[in-house]
Amino acid sequence: MAWTPPSKFTVFLTFLLMAFGVFIVLDQSTLLWSGTILPSAYVIPGVSSFQFWLMTAAIVIFLSWFLFFLGVKMKGL
């Protein structure tokens, strides 16, 4: 099975997704700044703002990994 390098667009997009996911995790789990930068106005019954943003970060990080995986496995992506 041959390895095909992903396009520059795929690398750039996956980097932005990964950086956004890591930013969410750092924003919610560290005290680098006072409070949180992300809004806490999302109302989902039974889910706190902290849980919502960490689930969002997990999804974004998985999507960045999956898109990069597809970029390596499929030519022209």
C-alpha atoms as a PDB file:
ATOM      1  CA  MET A   1       0.000   0.000   0.000  1.00  0.00           C
ATOM      2  CA  ALA A   2       1.592   3.259  -1.127  1.00  0.00           C
ATOM      3  CA  TRP A   3       1.720   6.390   0.965  1.00  0.00           C
ATOM      4  CA  THR A   4       0.452   9.503  -0.785  1.00  0.00           C
ATOM      5  CA  PRO A   5       1.148  12.894   0.736  1.00  0.00           C
ATOM      6  CA  PRO A   6      -1.969  14.954   1.460  1.00  0.00           C
ATOM      7  CA  SER A   7      -2.580  18.230  -0.325  1.00  0.00           C
ATOM      8  CA  LYS A   8      -1.615  21.535   1.257  1.00  0.00           C
ATOM      9  CA  PHE A   9      -5.288  22.391   1.724  1.00  0.00           C
ATOM     10  CA  THR A  10      -5.885  19.197   3.709  1.00  0.00           C
ATOM     11  CA  VAL A  11      -2.849  19.828   5.903  1.00  0.00           C
ATOM     12  CA  PHE A  12      -3.897  23.440   6.514  1.00  0.00           C
ATOM     13  CA  LEU A  13      -7.514  22.520   7.294  1.00  0.00           C
ATOM     14  CA  THR A  14      -6.574  19.698   9.661  1.00  0.00           C
ATOM     15  CA  PHE A  15      -4.078  21.969  11.420  1.00  0.00           C
ATOM     16  CA  LEU A  16      -6.774  24.612  11.974  1.00  0.00           C
ATOM     17  CA  LEU A  17      -9.233  22.020  13.299  1.00  0.00           C
ATOM     18  CA  MET A  18      -6.627  20.535  15.628  1.00  0.00           C
ATOM     19  CA  ALA A  19      -5.568  23.976  16.871  1.00  0.00           C
ATOM     20  CA  PHE A  20      -9.204  24.916  17.559  1.00  0.00           C
ATOM     21  CA  GLY A  21      -9.781  21.647  19.439  1.00  0.00           C
ATOM     22  CA  VAL A  22      -6.655  22.127  21.546  1.00  0.00           C
ATOM     23  CA  PHE A  23      -7.668  25.741  22.235  1.00  0.00           C
ATOM     24  CA  ILE A  24     -11.056  24.573  23.530  1.00  0.00           C
ATOM     25  CA  VAL A  25      -9.421  22.015  25.819  1.00  0.00           C
ATOM     26  CA  LEU A  26      -6.928  24.565  27.149  1.00  0.00           C
ATOM     27  CA  ASP A  27      -9.617  27.201  27.597  1.00  0.00           C
ATOM     28  CA  GLN A  28     -11.837  24.887  29.601  1.00  0.00           C
ATOM     29  CA  SER A  29      -9.248  23.029  31.658  1.00  0.00           C
ATOM     30  CA  THR A  30      -6.537  25.540  32.571  1.00  0.00           C
ATOM     31  CA  LEU A  31      -6.494  28.797  34.435  1.00  0.00           C
ATOM     32  CA  LEU A  32      -4.239  30.680  32.033  1.00  0.00           C
ATOM     33  CA  TRP A  33      -6.671  33.564  32.048  1.00  0.00           C
ATOM     34  CA  SER A  34      -9.494  34.613  34.296  1.00  0.00           C
ATOM     35  CA  GLY A  35     -12.648  32.678  33.478  1.00  0.00           C
ATOM     36  CA  THR A  36     -13.272  31.283  30.023  1.00  0.00           C
ATOM     37  CA  ILE A  37     -13.143  32.961  26.629  1.00  0.00           C
ATOM     38  CA  LEU A  38     -15.783  30.709  25.068  1.00  0.00           C
ATOM     39  CA  PRO A  39     -19.441  31.598  25.613  1.00  0.00           C
ATOM     40  CA  SER A  40     -21.477  29.599  28.100  1.00  0.00           C
ATOM     41  CA  ALA A  41     -24.913  30.391  26.668  1.00  0.00           C
ATOM     42  CA  TYR A  42     -25.532  26.940  25.176  1.00  0.00           C
ATOM     43  CA  VAL A  43     -28.500  25.366  26.907  1.00  0.00           C
ATOM     44  CA  ILE A  44     -28.773  21.614  26.598  1.00  0.00           C
ATOM     45  CA  PRO A  45     -30.748  19.925  29.369  1.00  0.00           C
ATOM     46  CA  GLY A  46     -28.468  17.927  31.631  1.00  0.00           C
ATOM     47  CA  VAL A  47     -25.218  19.081  30.021  1.00  0.00           C
ATOM     48  CA  SER A  48     -23.060  21.801  31.548  1.00  0.00           C
ATOM     49  CA  SER A  49     -21.153  24.326  29.467  1.00  0.00           C
ATOM     50  CA  PHE A  50     -17.874  22.623  30.431  1.00  0.00           C
ATOM     51  CA  GLN A  51     -19.143  19.232  29.216  1.00  0.00           C
ATOM     52  CA  PHE A  52     -20.541  20.752  26.021  1.00  0.00           C
ATOM     53  CA  TRP A  53     -17.243  22.393  25.084  1.00  0.00           C
ATOM     54  CA  LEU A  54     -15.182  19.294  25.903  1.00  0.00           C
ATOM     55  CA  MET A  55     -17.499  17.129  23.758  1.00  0.00           C
ATOM     56  CA  THR A  56     -17.137  19.710  20.976  1.00  0.00           C
ATOM     57  CA  ALA A  57     -13.345  19.606  21.336  1.00  0.00           C
ATOM     58  CA  ALA A  58     -13.306  15.805  21.186  1.00  0.00           C
ATOM     59  CA  ILE A  59     -15.403  15.840  18.011  1.00  0.00           C
ATOM     60  CA  VAL A  60     -13.258  18.531  16.355  1.00  0.00           C
ATOM     61  CA  ILE A  61      -9.994  16.749  17.213  1.00  0.00           C
ATOM     62  CA  PHE A  62     -11.377  13.443  15.903  1.00  0.00           C
ATOM     63  CA  LEU A  63     -12.540  15.121  12.671  1.00  0.00           C
ATOM     64  CA  SER A  64      -9.119  16.678  12.144  1.00  0.00           C
ATOM     65  CA  TRP A  65      -7.446  13.297  12.600  1.00  0.00           C
ATOM     66  CA  PHE A  66      -9.962  11.568  10.315  1.00  0.00           C
ATOM     67  CA  LEU A  67      -9.643  14.194   7.572  1.00  0.00           C
ATOM     68  CA  PHE A  68      -5.864  13.877   7.661  1.00  0.00           C
ATOM     69  CA  PHE A  69      -6.176  10.083   7.557  1.00  0.00           C
ATOM     70  CA  LEU A  70      -8.403  10.362   4.475  1.00  0.00           C
ATOM     71  CA  GLY A  71      -5.975  12.829   2.918  1.00  0.00           C
ATOM     72  CA  VAL A  72      -3.182  10.264   3.236  1.00  0.00           C
ATOM     73  CA  LYS A  73      -5.221   7.256   2.092  1.00  0.00           C
ATOM     74  CA  MET A  74      -7.067   8.880  -0.818  1.00  0.00           C
ATOM     75  CA  LYS A  75      -5.330  10.600  -3.679  1.00  0.00           C
ATOM     76  CA  GLY A  76      -6.351  14.147  -4.461  1.00  0.00           C
ATOM     77  CA  LEU A  77      -7.990  14.940  -1.118  1.00  0.00           C
END
